[in-house]
Amino acid sequence: MAYSQNVNRSEFIREAIKNYIREKKKKEIAQKLKKGYEEMGNMNLEYSEYSIESDSALLQLYEKGLAECE
């Protein structure tokens, strides 16, 4: 295979190792990103639920104030 690409064996092996390391790093980064998104997903869910509760309470106060004006 190295012969057909006009490179010597050492250079072919060097490039193969570089490609292997590059692909391994890509997979590691993808795994870290996946883990991070999964961990942040729970936190984001908690924040959104808190936000909905807060917004709901503010809306009720606003509507109560409007009802008192009528």
C-alpha atoms as a PDB file:
ATOM      1  CA  MET A   1       0.000   0.000   0.000  1.00  0.00           C
ATOM      2  CA  ALA A   2       2.814   2.431   0.871  1.00  0.00           C
ATOM      3  CA  TYR A   3       4.496   1.561  -2.393  1.00  0.00           C
ATOM      4  CA  SER A   4       1.376   2.373  -4.408  1.00  0.00           C
ATOM      5  CA  GLN A   5       1.198   5.841  -2.804  1.00  0.00           C
ATOM      6  CA  ASN A   6       4.880   6.554  -3.591  1.00  0.00           C
ATOM      7  CA  VAL A   7       5.867   6.973   0.071  1.00  0.00           C
ATOM      8  CA  ASN A   8       8.318   4.984   2.074  1.00  0.00           C
ATOM      9  CA  ARG A   9       7.149   2.592   4.744  1.00  0.00           C
ATOM     10  CA  SER A  10       8.196   4.796   7.689  1.00  0.00           C
ATOM     11  CA  GLU A  11       6.327   7.782   6.318  1.00  0.00           C
ATOM     12  CA  PHE A  12       3.265   5.638   5.658  1.00  0.00           C
ATOM     13  CA  ILE A  13       3.283   4.318   9.232  1.00  0.00           C
ATOM     14  CA  ARG A  14       3.851   7.822  10.625  1.00  0.00           C
ATOM     15  CA  GLU A  15       0.840   9.147   8.722  1.00  0.00           C
ATOM     16  CA  ALA A  16      -1.286   6.189   9.798  1.00  0.00           C
ATOM     17  CA  ILE A  17      -0.423   6.846  13.447  1.00  0.00           C
ATOM     18  CA  LYS A  18      -1.176  10.569  13.062  1.00  0.00           C
ATOM     19  CA  ASN A  19      -4.559   9.744  11.553  1.00  0.00           C
ATOM     20  CA  TYR A  20      -5.277   7.252  14.329  1.00  0.00           C
ATOM     21  CA  ILE A  21      -4.421   9.817  17.030  1.00  0.00           C
ATOM     22  CA  ARG A  22      -6.463  12.529  15.274  1.00  0.00           C
ATOM     23  CA  GLU A  23      -9.529  10.272  15.068  1.00  0.00           C
ATOM     24  CA  LYS A  24      -9.088   9.156  18.676  1.00  0.00           C
ATOM     25  CA  LYS A  25      -9.010  12.807  19.820  1.00  0.00           C
ATOM     26  CA  LYS A  26     -12.164  13.548  17.808  1.00  0.00           C
ATOM     27  CA  LYS A  27     -13.965  10.664  19.508  1.00  0.00           C
ATOM     28  CA  GLU A  28     -12.774  11.798  22.949  1.00  0.00           C
ATOM     29  CA  ILE A  29     -14.004  15.341  22.304  1.00  0.00           C
ATOM     30  CA  ALA A  30     -17.351  14.042  21.067  1.00  0.00           C
ATOM     31  CA  GLN A  31     -17.713  11.916  24.216  1.00  0.00           C
ATOM     32  CA  LYS A  32     -16.844  14.870  26.451  1.00  0.00           C
ATOM     33  CA  LEU A  33     -19.344  17.076  24.635  1.00  0.00           C
ATOM     34  CA  LYS A  34     -22.042  14.423  24.956  1.00  0.00           C
ATOM     35  CA  LYS A  35     -21.368  14.033  28.672  1.00  0.00           C
ATOM     36  CA  GLY A  36     -21.383  17.807  29.166  1.00  0.00           C
ATOM     37  CA  TYR A  37     -24.666  18.250  27.336  1.00  0.00           C
ATOM     38  CA  GLU A  38     -26.245  15.429  29.335  1.00  0.00           C
ATOM     39  CA  GLU A  39     -25.077  16.972  32.611  1.00  0.00           C
ATOM     40  CA  MET A  40     -26.184  20.440  31.591  1.00  0.00           C
ATOM     41  CA  GLY A  41     -29.528  19.074  30.410  1.00  0.00           C
ATOM     42  CA  ASN A  42     -30.612  18.340  33.967  1.00  0.00           C
ATOM     43  CA  MET A  43     -29.454  21.738  35.145  1.00  0.00           C
ATOM     44  CA  ASN A  44     -31.204  23.503  32.266  1.00  0.00           C
ATOM     45  CA  LEU A  45     -34.393  21.604  33.022  1.00  0.00           C
ATOM     46  CA  GLU A  46     -34.272  22.746  36.650  1.00  0.00           C
ATOM     47  CA  TYR A  47     -33.692  26.361  35.587  1.00  0.00           C
ATOM     48  CA  SER A  48     -36.541  26.273  33.098  1.00  0.00           C
ATOM     49  CA  GLU A  49     -38.931  24.760  35.652  1.00  0.00           C
ATOM     50  CA  TYR A  50     -37.948  27.434  38.177  1.00  0.00           C
ATOM     51  CA  SER A  51     -38.415  30.080  35.523  1.00  0.00           C
ATOM     52  CA  ILE A  52     -41.885  28.795  34.622  1.00  0.00           C
ATOM     53  CA  GLU A  53     -42.912  28.843  38.282  1.00  0.00           C
ATOM     54  CA  SER A  54     -41.563  32.359  38.697  1.00  0.00           C
ATOM     55  CA  ASP A  55     -43.244  33.596  35.518  1.00  0.00           C
ATOM     56  CA  SER A  56     -46.509  31.995  36.575  1.00  0.00           C
ATOM     57  CA  ALA A  57     -46.385  33.704  39.968  1.00  0.00           C
ATOM     58  CA  LEU A  58     -45.653  37.076  38.342  1.00  0.00           C
ATOM     59  CA  LEU A  59     -48.495  36.582  35.876  1.00  0.00           C
ATOM     60  CA  GLN A  60     -50.902  35.838  38.713  1.00  0.00           C
ATOM     61  CA  LEU A  61     -49.842  39.013  40.539  1.00  0.00           C
ATOM     62  CA  TYR A  62     -50.241  41.019  37.353  1.00  0.00           C
ATOM     63  CA  GLU A  63     -53.697  39.601  36.669  1.00  0.00           C
ATOM     64  CA  LYS A  64     -54.706  40.204  40.286  1.00  0.00           C
ATOM     65  CA  GLY A  65     -53.616  43.840  39.925  1.00  0.00           C
ATOM     66  CA  LEU A  66     -55.613  44.173  36.713  1.00  0.00           C
ATOM     67  CA  ALA A  67     -58.685  42.646  38.344  1.00  0.00           C
ATOM     68  CA  GLU A  68     -58.451  45.143  41.209  1.00  0.00           C
ATOM     69  CA  CYS A  69     -58.392  48.026  38.738  1.00  0.00           C
ATOM     70  CA  GLU A  70     -61.702  47.029  37.191  1.00  0.00           C
END
